[in-house]
Amino acid sequence: MTTPSSRKIVPKHSSLLTRIRRTRALYMLLIPAIVFLIVFHYYPMYGAIIAFKNYTISGGILGSEWVGLKNFQKFINYYEFPLILKNTLRISIYTITASFFIKLILSLSLNCMRLEGYKKIVQTVTYMPHFISTVVIVGILIRFFNPSIGPISKLIQSLGGTNRDLMGVSEAVPHIYVWSGIWQNAGWSTILYLATLSSVDPTLHEAAIVDGATRMHRVWHIDLPTLIPTIVITLIMDMGRVMSVGADKMLLMQNSLNLSTTQIISTYVYGVGIASASPQYSYGAAISLFNTVINFSLLMIVNTISKKLNQAALW
């Protein structure tokens, strides 16, 4: 019989090493993903230092003059800063709010369908726009809203509306941007919600039916509570991207007539940091870093609030 004093002391890390040795094939599958993250996500962070310098190609990252927070102050003091910030937040919050309700309703509707064949057809039709190129999507929008040949413009005219190109109307373009994005991605966004709903125990619905619950009662008391943790997680992640409205689609939709509502942070960075005749690399990097810090701060705040409310959280 062994006494406590005679037992062999096992290092705490031995169990972890044992698990790694037993599942080393699975850990090896992680190597490409880890290498990808290091090379394309972590290593480029070194270049963010140019946001605090007056970067020149000849001087390089280390040889350029250190200017501290000058580039950040330049952006905040820029006369169009309030307008750019307002446009970015307006489009981002508009997109998050509208897409949230659309994908939630679509997910619940698909989950309620009894005819599997019809359900698959609807899913396929709603998923397909996600795979269309952004350039093609904007090309379609320009054609559809063309005052001469566009079917939407023709419809507006037939209803007594004004014959004009809505892509040149500053107040209309944000709505076109948001709702075309929802049309493109709503179906694809339901995948996560539908996967969550598929985990619901069928006996819950069977018991509810026996008790006389209607379809709407089951959606409200069974499906929605099941979705709440997933909804909270997706909203937290959306808040972490609230300042990051994509520049590609907006640049394609942008013109001199709608610039007052389509000039956002990402398009401004592209203009001053890349497309300009004399690119301001440090200034563009400072704006991007400012954007990232705001996004990260919002992510931390929303995640903390969610934890305090005893809801799901990222960590």
C-alpha atoms as a PDB file:
ATOM      1  CA  MET A   1       0.000   0.000   0.000  1.00  0.00           C
ATOM      2  CA  THR A   2       1.347   3.389  -0.961  1.00  0.00           C
ATOM      3  CA  THR A   3       1.341   6.277   1.410  1.00  0.00           C
ATOM      4  CA  PRO A   4       0.773   9.900   0.341  1.00  0.00           C
ATOM      5  CA  SER A   5       4.445  10.621   0.914  1.00  0.00           C
ATOM      6  CA  SER A   6       5.538   7.757  -1.343  1.00  0.00           C
ATOM      7  CA  ARG A   7       3.279   8.679  -4.285  1.00  0.00           C
ATOM      8  CA  LYS A   8       4.986   9.869  -7.416  1.00  0.00           C
ATOM      9  CA  ILE A   9       4.443  13.564  -7.995  1.00  0.00           C
ATOM     10  CA  VAL A  10       3.123  14.098 -11.544  1.00  0.00           C
ATOM     11  CA  PRO A  11       3.874  17.494 -13.110  1.00  0.00           C
ATOM     12  CA  LYS A  12       0.742  19.528 -13.822  1.00  0.00           C
ATOM     13  CA  HIS A  13       1.649  19.965 -17.459  1.00  0.00           C
ATOM     14  CA  SER A  14       2.047  16.230 -18.086  1.00  0.00           C
ATOM     15  CA  SER A  15      -1.677  15.694 -18.783  1.00  0.00           C
ATOM     16  CA  LEU A  16      -1.625  18.449 -21.418  1.00  0.00           C
ATOM     17  CA  LEU A  17       1.478  16.994 -23.045  1.00  0.00           C
ATOM     18  CA  THR A  18      -0.140  13.563 -22.965  1.00  0.00           C
ATOM     19  CA  ARG A  19      -3.237  14.864 -24.721  1.00  0.00           C
ATOM     20  CA  ILE A  20      -1.114  16.599 -27.335  1.00  0.00           C
ATOM     21  CA  ARG A  21       0.864  13.419 -28.004  1.00  0.00           C
ATOM     22  CA  ARG A  22      -2.306  11.350 -28.303  1.00  0.00           C
ATOM     23  CA  THR A  23      -3.992  13.809 -30.675  1.00  0.00           C
ATOM     24  CA  ARG A  24      -0.897  15.145 -32.425  1.00  0.00           C
ATOM     25  CA  ALA A  25      -2.474  14.519 -35.849  1.00  0.00           C
ATOM     26  CA  LEU A  26      -5.303  16.931 -34.982  1.00  0.00           C
ATOM     27  CA  TYR A  27      -2.868  19.538 -33.696  1.00  0.00           C
ATOM     28  CA  MET A  28      -0.880  19.242 -36.919  1.00  0.00           C
ATOM     29  CA  LEU A  29      -4.024  20.222 -38.821  1.00  0.00           C
ATOM     30  CA  LEU A  30      -3.911  23.524 -36.936  1.00  0.00           C
ATOM     31  CA  ILE A  31      -0.438  24.391 -38.234  1.00  0.00           C
ATOM     32  CA  PRO A  32      -1.558  25.916 -41.603  1.00  0.00           C
ATOM     33  CA  ALA A  33      -4.178  28.078 -39.830  1.00  0.00           C
ATOM     34  CA  ILE A  34      -1.661  29.227 -37.214  1.00  0.00           C
ATOM     35  CA  VAL A  35       0.923  30.055 -39.880  1.00  0.00           C
ATOM     36  CA  PHE A  36      -1.720  31.969 -41.847  1.00  0.00           C
ATOM     37  CA  LEU A  37      -2.685  34.043 -38.790  1.00  0.00           C
ATOM     38  CA  ILE A  38       0.937  34.815 -37.939  1.00  0.00           C
ATOM     39  CA  VAL A  39       1.970  35.778 -41.484  1.00  0.00           C
ATOM     40  CA  PHE A  40      -1.120  37.718 -42.578  1.00  0.00           C
ATOM     41  CA  HIS A  41      -2.593  39.024 -39.301  1.00  0.00           C
ATOM     42  CA  TYR A  42       0.013  39.302 -36.549  1.00  0.00           C
ATOM     43  CA  TYR A  43       3.216  40.061 -38.442  1.00  0.00           C
ATOM     44  CA  PRO A  44       1.654  43.009 -40.362  1.00  0.00           C
ATOM     45  CA  MET A  45       0.828  44.634 -37.001  1.00  0.00           C
ATOM     46  CA  TYR A  46       4.460  45.676 -36.915  1.00  0.00           C
ATOM     47  CA  GLY A  47       3.703  48.084 -39.758  1.00  0.00           C
ATOM     48  CA  ALA A  48       1.140  49.940 -37.620  1.00  0.00           C
ATOM     49  CA  ILE A  49       4.060  51.865 -36.137  1.00  0.00           C
ATOM     50  CA  ILE A  50       4.039  54.127 -39.213  1.00  0.00           C
ATOM     51  CA  ALA A  51       0.849  55.704 -37.812  1.00  0.00           C
ATOM     52  CA  PHE A  52       3.129  57.454 -35.299  1.00  0.00           C
ATOM     53  CA  LYS A  53       5.717  58.458 -37.902  1.00  0.00           C
ATOM     54  CA  ASN A  54       6.060  60.591 -40.996  1.00  0.00           C
ATOM     55  CA  TYR A  55       6.658  57.546 -43.156  1.00  0.00           C
ATOM     56  CA  THR A  56       8.748  57.803 -46.308  1.00  0.00           C
ATOM     57  CA  ILE A  57       9.709  54.971 -48.624  1.00  0.00           C
ATOM     58  CA  SER A  58      13.353  55.995 -48.561  1.00  0.00           C
ATOM     59  CA  GLY A  59      13.484  56.072 -44.772  1.00  0.00           C
ATOM     60  CA  GLY A  60      11.526  52.896 -44.207  1.00  0.00           C
ATOM     61  CA  ILE A  61       9.545  52.048 -41.099  1.00  0.00           C
ATOM     62  CA  LEU A  62      12.410  52.458 -38.632  1.00  0.00           C
ATOM     63  CA  GLY A  63      14.192  55.307 -40.399  1.00  0.00           C
ATOM     64  CA  SER A  64      11.188  57.633 -40.757  1.00  0.00           C
ATOM     65  CA  GLU A  65      10.688  60.603 -38.449  1.00  0.00           C
ATOM     66  CA  TRP A  66       8.699  59.992 -35.252  1.00  0.00           C
ATOM     67  CA  VAL A  67       5.754  62.441 -34.978  1.00  0.00           C
ATOM     68  CA  GLY A  68       3.726  60.857 -32.170  1.00  0.00           C
ATOM     69  CA  LEU A  69      -0.015  61.559 -32.277  1.00  0.00           C
ATOM     70  CA  LYS A  70       0.212  64.222 -34.978  1.00  0.00           C
ATOM     71  CA  ASN A  71      -1.542  62.095 -37.629  1.00  0.00           C
ATOM     72  CA  PHE A  72      -4.398  61.271 -35.258  1.00  0.00           C
ATOM     73  CA  GLN A  73      -4.844  64.938 -34.356  1.00  0.00           C
ATOM     74  CA  LYS A  74      -4.837  65.833 -38.060  1.00  0.00           C
ATOM     75  CA  PHE A  75      -7.739  63.462 -38.714  1.00  0.00           C
ATOM     76  CA  ILE A  76      -9.787  64.556 -35.692  1.00  0.00           C
ATOM     77  CA  ASN A  77      -9.263  68.225 -36.593  1.00  0.00           C
ATOM     78  CA  TYR A  78     -10.147  67.624 -40.259  1.00  0.00           C
ATOM     79  CA  TYR A  79     -13.160  69.788 -41.129  1.00  0.00           C
ATOM     80  CA  GLU A  80     -15.099  66.840 -42.599  1.00  0.00           C
ATOM     81  CA  PHE A  81     -14.374  64.501 -39.668  1.00  0.00           C
ATOM     82  CA  PRO A  82     -17.887  64.887 -38.114  1.00  0.00           C
ATOM     83  CA  LEU A  83     -19.509  64.189 -41.501  1.00  0.00           C
ATOM     84  CA  ILE A  84     -17.343  61.128 -42.204  1.00  0.00           C
ATOM     85  CA  LEU A  85     -17.960  59.733 -38.715  1.00  0.00           C
ATOM     86  CA  LYS A  86     -21.696  60.388 -38.985  1.00  0.00           C
ATOM     87  CA  ASN A  87     -21.944  58.656 -42.374  1.00  0.00           C
ATOM     88  CA  THR A  88     -19.972  55.643 -41.140  1.00  0.00           C
ATOM     89  CA  LEU A  89     -22.049  55.168 -37.996  1.00  0.00           C
ATOM     90  CA  ARG A  90     -25.313  55.809 -39.806  1.00  0.00           C
ATOM     91  CA  ILE A  91     -24.723  53.163 -42.485  1.00  0.00           C
ATOM     92  CA  SER A  92     -23.191  50.651 -40.066  1.00  0.00           C
ATOM     93  CA  ILE A  93     -25.931  50.846 -37.416  1.00  0.00           C
ATOM     94  CA  TYR A  94     -28.605  50.906 -40.132  1.00  0.00           C
ATOM     95  CA  THR A  95     -27.132  47.724 -41.649  1.00  0.00           C
ATOM     96  CA  ILE A  96     -26.778  45.907 -38.307  1.00  0.00           C
ATOM     97  CA  THR A  97     -30.328  46.771 -37.208  1.00  0.00           C
ATOM     98  CA  ALA A  98     -32.095  45.981 -40.475  1.00  0.00           C
ATOM     99  CA  SER A  99     -30.135  42.805 -41.238  1.00  0.00           C
ATOM    100  CA  PHE A 100     -30.678  41.507 -37.688  1.00  0.00           C
ATOM    101  CA  PHE A 101     -34.470  41.526 -37.990  1.00  0.00           C
ATOM    102  CA  ILE A 102     -34.489  40.252 -41.572  1.00  0.00           C
ATOM    103  CA  LYS A 103     -32.247  37.240 -40.907  1.00  0.00           C
ATOM    104  CA  LEU A 104     -34.095  36.443 -37.667  1.00  0.00           C
ATOM    105  CA  ILE A 105     -37.497  36.461 -39.380  1.00  0.00           C
ATOM    106  CA  LEU A 106     -36.138  34.511 -42.366  1.00  0.00           C
ATOM    107  CA  SER A 107     -34.527  31.900 -40.104  1.00  0.00           C
ATOM    108  CA  LEU A 108     -37.695  31.358 -38.075  1.00  0.00           C
ATOM    109  CA  SER A 109     -39.789  31.212 -41.253  1.00  0.00           C
ATOM    110  CA  LEU A 110     -37.516  28.614 -42.851  1.00  0.00           C
ATOM    111  CA  ASN A 111     -37.513  26.592 -39.663  1.00  0.00           C
ATOM    112  CA  CYS A 112     -41.322  26.541 -39.639  1.00  0.00           C
ATOM    113  CA  MET A 113     -41.625  25.206 -43.202  1.00  0.00           C
ATOM    114  CA  ARG A 114     -43.016  21.687 -43.325  1.00  0.00           C
ATOM    115  CA  LEU A 115     -42.375  20.923 -47.015  1.00  0.00           C
ATOM    116  CA  GLU A 116     -38.671  20.028 -47.167  1.00  0.00           C
ATOM    117  CA  GLY A 117     -38.509  20.373 -50.959  1.00  0.00           C
ATOM    118  CA  TYR A 118     -39.932  23.891 -50.917  1.00  0.00           C
ATOM    119  CA  LYS A 119     -37.678  24.788 -47.977  1.00  0.00           C
ATOM    120  CA  LYS A 120     -34.550  23.725 -49.900  1.00  0.00           C
ATOM    121  CA  ILE A 121     -35.632  25.741 -52.945  1.00  0.00           C
ATOM    122  CA  VAL A 122     -36.128  28.877 -50.807  1.00  0.00           C
ATOM    123  CA  GLN A 123     -32.765  28.354 -49.096  1.00  0.00           C
ATOM    124  CA  THR A 124     -30.970  27.943 -52.430  1.00  0.00           C
ATOM    125  CA  VAL A 125     -32.598  31.053 -53.898  1.00  0.00           C
ATOM    126  CA  THR A 126     -31.744  33.167 -50.844  1.00  0.00           C
ATOM    127  CA  TYR A 127     -28.167  31.822 -50.616  1.00  0.00           C
ATOM    128  CA  MET A 128     -27.277  32.457 -54.272  1.00  0.00           C
ATOM    129  CA  PRO A 129     -26.841  36.276 -54.145  1.00  0.00           C
ATOM    130  CA  HIS A 130     -24.082  35.824 -51.549  1.00  0.00           C
ATOM    131  CA  PHE A 131     -21.825  34.363 -54.243  1.00  0.00           C
ATOM    132  CA  ILE A 132     -22.307  37.235 -56.694  1.00  0.00           C
ATOM    133  CA  SER A 133     -19.338  39.604 -56.983  1.00  0.00           C
ATOM    134  CA  THR A 134     -19.712  43.054 -55.437  1.00  0.00           C
ATOM    135  CA  VAL A 135     -18.800  44.611 -58.791  1.00  0.00           C
ATOM    136  CA  VAL A 136     -21.629  42.694 -60.455  1.00  0.00           C
ATOM    137  CA  ILE A 137     -24.073  43.690 -57.702  1.00  0.00           C
ATOM    138  CA  VAL A 138     -23.273  47.389 -58.123  1.00  0.00           C
ATOM    139  CA  GLY A 139     -23.480  47.018 -61.906  1.00  0.00           C
ATOM    140  CA  ILE A 140     -26.973  45.550 -61.516  1.00  0.00           C
ATOM    141  CA  LEU A 141     -27.989  48.408 -59.201  1.00  0.00           C
ATOM    142  CA  ILE A 142     -26.756  51.034 -61.653  1.00  0.00           C
ATOM    143  CA  ARG A 143     -28.739  49.375 -64.445  1.00  0.00           C
ATOM    144  CA  PHE A 144     -31.887  48.966 -62.344  1.00  0.00           C
ATOM    145  CA  PHE A 145     -31.885  52.598 -61.236  1.00  0.00           C
ATOM    146  CA  ASN A 146     -30.947  54.025 -64.637  1.00  0.00           C
ATOM    147  CA  PRO A 147     -33.586  56.702 -65.457  1.00  0.00           C
ATOM    148  CA  SER A 148     -33.787  55.623 -69.103  1.00  0.00           C
ATOM    149  CA  ILE A 149     -33.792  51.815 -69.065  1.00  0.00           C
ATOM    150  CA  GLY A 150     -33.915  50.805 -65.390  1.00  0.00           C
ATOM    151  CA  PRO A 151     -37.000  48.740 -64.404  1.00  0.00           C
ATOM    152  CA  ILE A 152     -37.127  50.277 -60.919  1.00  0.00           C
ATOM    153  CA  SER A 153     -36.948  53.791 -62.368  1.00  0.00           C
ATOM    154  CA  LYS A 154     -39.701  52.862 -64.828  1.00  0.00           C
ATOM    155  CA  LEU A 155     -41.843  51.557 -61.962  1.00  0.00           C
ATOM    156  CA  ILE A 156     -41.341  54.760 -59.974  1.00  0.00           C
ATOM    157  CA  GLN A 157     -42.327  56.808 -63.033  1.00  0.00           C
ATOM    158  CA  SER A 158     -45.455  54.695 -63.613  1.00  0.00           C
ATOM    159  CA  LEU A 159     -46.505  55.395 -60.030  1.00  0.00           C
ATOM    160  CA  GLY A 160     -46.162  59.141 -60.600  1.00  0.00           C
ATOM    161  CA  GLY A 161     -42.618  59.558 -59.286  1.00  0.00           C
ATOM    162  CA  THR A 162     -39.868  61.782 -60.647  1.00  0.00           C
ATOM    163  CA  ASN A 163     -37.671  60.523 -63.472  1.00  0.00           C
ATOM    164  CA  ARG A 164     -34.177  60.757 -61.990  1.00  0.00           C
ATOM    165  CA  ASP A 165     -31.150  58.605 -61.293  1.00  0.00           C
ATOM    166  CA  LEU A 166     -31.426  57.555 -57.637  1.00  0.00           C
ATOM    167  CA  MET A 167     -27.721  56.618 -57.602  1.00  0.00           C
ATOM    168  CA  GLY A 168     -27.078  60.346 -57.783  1.00  0.00           C
ATOM    169  CA  VAL A 169     -29.464  61.245 -54.962  1.00  0.00           C
ATOM    170  CA  SER A 170     -27.406  61.558 -51.784  1.00  0.00           C
ATOM    171  CA  GLU A 171     -30.220  60.579 -49.398  1.00  0.00           C
ATOM    172  CA  ALA A 172     -31.221  57.516 -51.427  1.00  0.00           C
ATOM    173  CA  VAL A 173     -27.813  55.864 -51.824  1.00  0.00           C
ATOM    174  CA  PRO A 174     -27.394  54.747 -48.155  1.00  0.00           C
ATOM    175  CA  HIS A 175     -30.765  52.958 -48.369  1.00  0.00           C
ATOM    176  CA  ILE A 176     -29.765  51.308 -51.651  1.00  0.00           C
ATOM    177  CA  TYR A 177     -26.431  50.286 -50.133  1.00  0.00           C
ATOM    178  CA  VAL A 178     -27.992  48.741 -47.019  1.00  0.00           C
ATOM    179  CA  TRP A 179     -30.932  46.917 -48.593  1.00  0.00           C
ATOM    180  CA  SER A 180     -28.948  45.566 -51.533  1.00  0.00           C
ATOM    181  CA  GLY A 181     -26.467  44.201 -48.973  1.00  0.00           C
ATOM    182  CA  ILE A 182     -29.293  42.595 -47.002  1.00  0.00           C
ATOM    183  CA  TRP A 183     -30.669  41.022 -50.199  1.00  0.00           C
ATOM    184  CA  GLN A 184     -27.206  39.686 -50.987  1.00  0.00           C
ATOM    185  CA  ASN A 185     -26.359  38.270 -47.551  1.00  0.00           C
ATOM    186  CA  ALA A 186     -29.617  37.606 -45.690  1.00  0.00           C
ATOM    187  CA  GLY A 187     -29.897  33.992 -46.817  1.00  0.00           C
ATOM    188  CA  TRP A 188     -26.289  33.197 -46.052  1.00  0.00           C
ATOM    189  CA  SER A 189     -26.578  34.824 -42.618  1.00  0.00           C
ATOM    190  CA  THR A 190     -29.364  32.436 -41.612  1.00  0.00           C
ATOM    191  CA  ILE A 191     -27.051  29.409 -41.632  1.00  0.00           C
ATOM    192  CA  LEU A 192     -25.891  29.959 -38.055  1.00  0.00           C
ATOM    193  CA  TYR A 193     -29.428  30.536 -36.755  1.00  0.00           C
ATOM    194  CA  LEU A 194     -30.805  27.486 -38.578  1.00  0.00           C
ATOM    195  CA  ALA A 195     -27.989  25.338 -37.178  1.00  0.00           C
ATOM    196  CA  THR A 196     -28.911  26.522 -33.679  1.00  0.00           C
ATOM    197  CA  LEU A 197     -32.598  25.833 -34.245  1.00  0.00           C
ATOM    198  CA  SER A 198     -31.814  22.311 -35.462  1.00  0.00           C
ATOM    199  CA  SER A 199     -30.455  21.527 -31.975  1.00  0.00           C
ATOM    200  CA  VAL A 200     -33.884  22.057 -30.355  1.00  0.00           C
ATOM    201  CA  ASP A 201     -35.177  18.853 -28.758  1.00  0.00           C
ATOM    202  CA  PRO A 202     -38.242  17.723 -30.820  1.00  0.00           C
ATOM    203  CA  THR A 203     -39.918  16.488 -27.646  1.00  0.00           C
ATOM    204  CA  LEU A 204     -40.285  20.111 -26.508  1.00  0.00           C
ATOM    205  CA  HIS A 205     -42.418  20.875 -29.553  1.00  0.00           C
ATOM    206  CA  GLU A 206     -44.342  17.622 -29.158  1.00  0.00           C
ATOM    207  CA  ALA A 207     -45.138  18.401 -25.522  1.00  0.00           C
ATOM    208  CA  ALA A 208     -46.153  21.961 -26.459  1.00  0.00           C
ATOM    209  CA  ILE A 209     -48.500  20.659 -29.173  1.00  0.00           C
ATOM    210  CA  VAL A 210     -50.098  18.258 -26.697  1.00  0.00           C
ATOM    211  CA  ASP A 211     -50.661  21.197 -24.345  1.00  0.00           C
ATOM    212  CA  GLY A 212     -52.417  23.086 -27.159  1.00  0.00           C
ATOM    213  CA  ALA A 213     -49.643  25.543 -28.076  1.00  0.00           C
ATOM    214  CA  THR A 214     -49.938  27.188 -31.495  1.00  0.00           C
ATOM    215  CA  ARG A 215     -47.043  27.570 -33.933  1.00  0.00           C
ATOM    216  CA  MET A 216     -46.463  31.158 -32.795  1.00  0.00           C
ATOM    217  CA  HIS A 217     -46.467  30.101 -29.141  1.00  0.00           C
ATOM    218  CA  ARG A 218     -43.783  27.507 -29.893  1.00  0.00           C
ATOM    219  CA  VAL A 219     -41.696  30.046 -31.800  1.00  0.00           C
ATOM    220  CA  TRP A 220     -41.928  32.526 -28.920  1.00  0.00           C
ATOM    221  CA  HIS A 221     -41.350  30.119 -26.030  1.00  0.00           C
ATOM    222  CA  ILE A 222     -39.054  27.478 -27.598  1.00  0.00           C
ATOM    223  CA  ASP A 223     -37.288  28.740 -30.734  1.00  0.00           C
ATOM    224  CA  LEU A 224     -36.486  32.298 -29.630  1.00  0.00           C
ATOM    225  CA  PRO A 225     -35.043  31.330 -26.198  1.00  0.00           C
ATOM    226  CA  THR A 226     -32.839  28.793 -27.988  1.00  0.00           C
ATOM    227  CA  LEU A 227     -31.575  31.510 -30.350  1.00  0.00           C
ATOM    228  CA  ILE A 228     -30.837  34.141 -27.680  1.00  0.00           C
ATOM    229  CA  PRO A 229     -27.204  33.068 -26.935  1.00  0.00           C
ATOM    230  CA  THR A 230     -26.409  32.972 -30.666  1.00  0.00           C
ATOM    231  CA  ILE A 231     -28.127  36.330 -31.207  1.00  0.00           C
ATOM    232  CA  VAL A 232     -26.107  37.922 -28.393  1.00  0.00           C
ATOM    233  CA  ILE A 233     -22.815  36.553 -29.758  1.00  0.00           C
ATOM    234  CA  THR A 234     -23.529  37.778 -33.300  1.00  0.00           C
ATOM    235  CA  LEU A 235     -24.551  41.231 -32.030  1.00  0.00           C
ATOM    236  CA  ILE A 236     -21.345  41.491 -29.990  1.00  0.00           C
ATOM    237  CA  MET A 237     -19.301  40.598 -33.065  1.00  0.00           C
ATOM    238  CA  ASP A 238     -21.270  43.093 -35.158  1.00  0.00           C
ATOM    239  CA  MET A 239     -20.483  45.839 -32.646  1.00  0.00           C
ATOM    240  CA  GLY A 240     -16.810  44.985 -33.093  1.00  0.00           C
ATOM    241  CA  ARG A 241     -17.188  45.947 -36.769  1.00  0.00           C
ATOM    242  CA  VAL A 242     -19.413  48.987 -36.345  1.00  0.00           C
ATOM    243  CA  MET A 243     -16.761  51.385 -37.703  1.00  0.00           C
ATOM    244  CA  SER A 244     -15.668  49.086 -40.524  1.00  0.00           C
ATOM    245  CA  VAL A 245     -18.094  49.684 -43.383  1.00  0.00           C
ATOM    246  CA  GLY A 246     -16.580  48.071 -46.485  1.00  0.00           C
ATOM    247  CA  ALA A 247     -14.912  50.434 -48.936  1.00  0.00           C
ATOM    248  CA  ASP A 248     -15.188  48.253 -52.056  1.00  0.00           C
ATOM    249  CA  LYS A 249     -18.941  48.495 -52.607  1.00  0.00           C
ATOM    250  CA  MET A 250     -19.183  52.089 -51.417  1.00  0.00           C
ATOM    251  CA  LEU A 251     -16.393  53.199 -53.768  1.00  0.00           C
ATOM    252  CA  LEU A 252     -18.246  51.634 -56.693  1.00  0.00           C
ATOM    253  CA  MET A 253     -21.472  53.435 -55.725  1.00  0.00           C
ATOM    254  CA  GLN A 254     -19.808  56.734 -54.887  1.00  0.00           C
ATOM    255  CA  ASN A 255     -19.914  59.760 -57.189  1.00  0.00           C
ATOM    256  CA  SER A 256     -19.717  63.520 -56.884  1.00  0.00           C
ATOM    257  CA  LEU A 257     -23.500  63.833 -56.463  1.00  0.00           C
ATOM    258  CA  ASN A 258     -23.836  61.524 -53.454  1.00  0.00           C
ATOM    259  CA  LEU A 259     -20.505  62.206 -51.735  1.00  0.00           C
ATOM    260  CA  SER A 260     -22.164  63.983 -48.806  1.00  0.00           C
ATOM    261  CA  THR A 261     -23.671  60.693 -47.557  1.00  0.00           C
ATOM    262  CA  THR A 262     -21.264  58.097 -48.991  1.00  0.00           C
ATOM    263  CA  GLN A 263     -17.921  59.451 -47.778  1.00  0.00           C
ATOM    264  CA  ILE A 264     -17.062  57.058 -44.950  1.00  0.00           C
ATOM    265  CA  ILE A 265     -13.864  56.301 -43.051  1.00  0.00           C
ATOM    266  CA  SER A 266     -12.765  53.412 -45.275  1.00  0.00           C
ATOM    267  CA  THR A 267     -13.278  55.347 -48.523  1.00  0.00           C
ATOM    268  CA  TYR A 268     -11.493  58.374 -47.069  1.00  0.00           C
ATOM    269  CA  VAL A 269      -8.539  56.195 -46.052  1.00  0.00           C
ATOM    270  CA  TYR A 270      -8.395  54.756 -49.566  1.00  0.00           C
ATOM    271  CA  GLY A 271      -8.457  58.256 -51.045  1.00  0.00           C
ATOM    272  CA  VAL A 272      -5.686  59.789 -48.918  1.00  0.00           C
ATOM    273  CA  GLY A 273      -3.588  56.687 -48.307  1.00  0.00           C
ATOM    274  CA  ILE A 274      -3.597  54.941 -51.685  1.00  0.00           C
ATOM    275  CA  ALA A 275      -5.436  56.709 -54.518  1.00  0.00           C
ATOM    276  CA  SER A 276      -3.963  60.171 -53.928  1.00  0.00           C
ATOM    277  CA  ALA A 277      -1.300  61.563 -56.260  1.00  0.00           C
ATOM    278  CA  SER A 278       0.965  61.840 -53.210  1.00  0.00           C
ATOM    279  CA  PRO A 279      -0.196  59.040 -50.856  1.00  0.00           C
ATOM    280  CA  GLN A 280      -0.058  59.848 -47.133  1.00  0.00           C
ATOM    281  CA  TYR A 281       0.793  56.404 -45.793  1.00  0.00           C
ATOM    282  CA  SER A 282       1.207  57.456 -42.168  1.00  0.00           C
ATOM    283  CA  TYR A 283      -2.009  59.451 -42.181  1.00  0.00           C
ATOM    284  CA  GLY A 284      -3.962  56.546 -43.666  1.00  0.00           C
ATOM    285  CA  ALA A 285      -2.431  54.112 -41.163  1.00  0.00           C
ATOM    286  CA  ALA A 286      -3.339  56.429 -38.285  1.00  0.00           C
ATOM    287  CA  ILE A 287      -6.980  56.593 -39.404  1.00  0.00           C
ATOM    288  CA  SER A 288      -7.144  52.793 -39.747  1.00  0.00           C
ATOM    289  CA  LEU A 289      -5.590  52.341 -36.292  1.00  0.00           C
ATOM    290  CA  PHE A 290      -8.061  54.859 -34.851  1.00  0.00           C
ATOM    291  CA  ASN A 291     -10.855  52.802 -36.431  1.00  0.00           C
ATOM    292  CA  THR A 292      -9.514  49.565 -34.982  1.00  0.00           C
ATOM    293  CA  VAL A 293      -9.176  50.988 -31.465  1.00  0.00           C
ATOM    294  CA  ILE A 294     -12.801  52.220 -31.530  1.00  0.00           C
ATOM    295  CA  ASN A 295     -14.031  48.835 -32.770  1.00  0.00           C
ATOM    296  CA  PHE A 296     -12.045  46.960 -30.128  1.00  0.00           C
ATOM    297  CA  SER A 297     -13.293  49.286 -27.377  1.00  0.00           C
ATOM    298  CA  LEU A 298     -16.908  48.801 -28.427  1.00  0.00           C
ATOM    299  CA  LEU A 299     -16.388  45.039 -28.545  1.00  0.00           C
ATOM    300  CA  MET A 300     -14.990  45.028 -24.994  1.00  0.00           C
ATOM    301  CA  ILE A 301     -17.766  47.266 -23.653  1.00  0.00           C
ATOM    302  CA  VAL A 302     -20.633  45.285 -25.220  1.00  0.00           C
ATOM    303  CA  ASN A 303     -19.086  41.964 -24.173  1.00  0.00           C
ATOM    304  CA  THR A 304     -18.710  43.200 -20.574  1.00  0.00           C
ATOM    305  CA  ILE A 305     -22.312  44.457 -20.476  1.00  0.00           C
ATOM    306  CA  SER A 306     -23.532  41.106 -21.821  1.00  0.00           C
ATOM    307  CA  LYS A 307     -21.636  39.218 -19.104  1.00  0.00           C
ATOM    308  CA  LYS A 308     -23.049  41.467 -16.368  1.00  0.00           C
ATOM    309  CA  LEU A 309     -26.563  40.805 -17.671  1.00  0.00           C
ATOM    310  CA  ASN A 310     -25.861  37.044 -17.390  1.00  0.00           C
ATOM    311  CA  GLN A 311     -26.115  36.624 -21.135  1.00  0.00           C
ATOM    312  CA  ALA A 312     -23.723  34.868 -23.519  1.00  0.00           C
ATOM    313  CA  ALA A 313     -20.323  36.464 -24.094  1.00  0.00           C
ATOM    314  CA  LEU A 314     -17.240  35.915 -26.230  1.00  0.00           C
ATOM    315  CA  TRP A 315     -15.047  35.388 -23.163  1.00  0.00           C
END
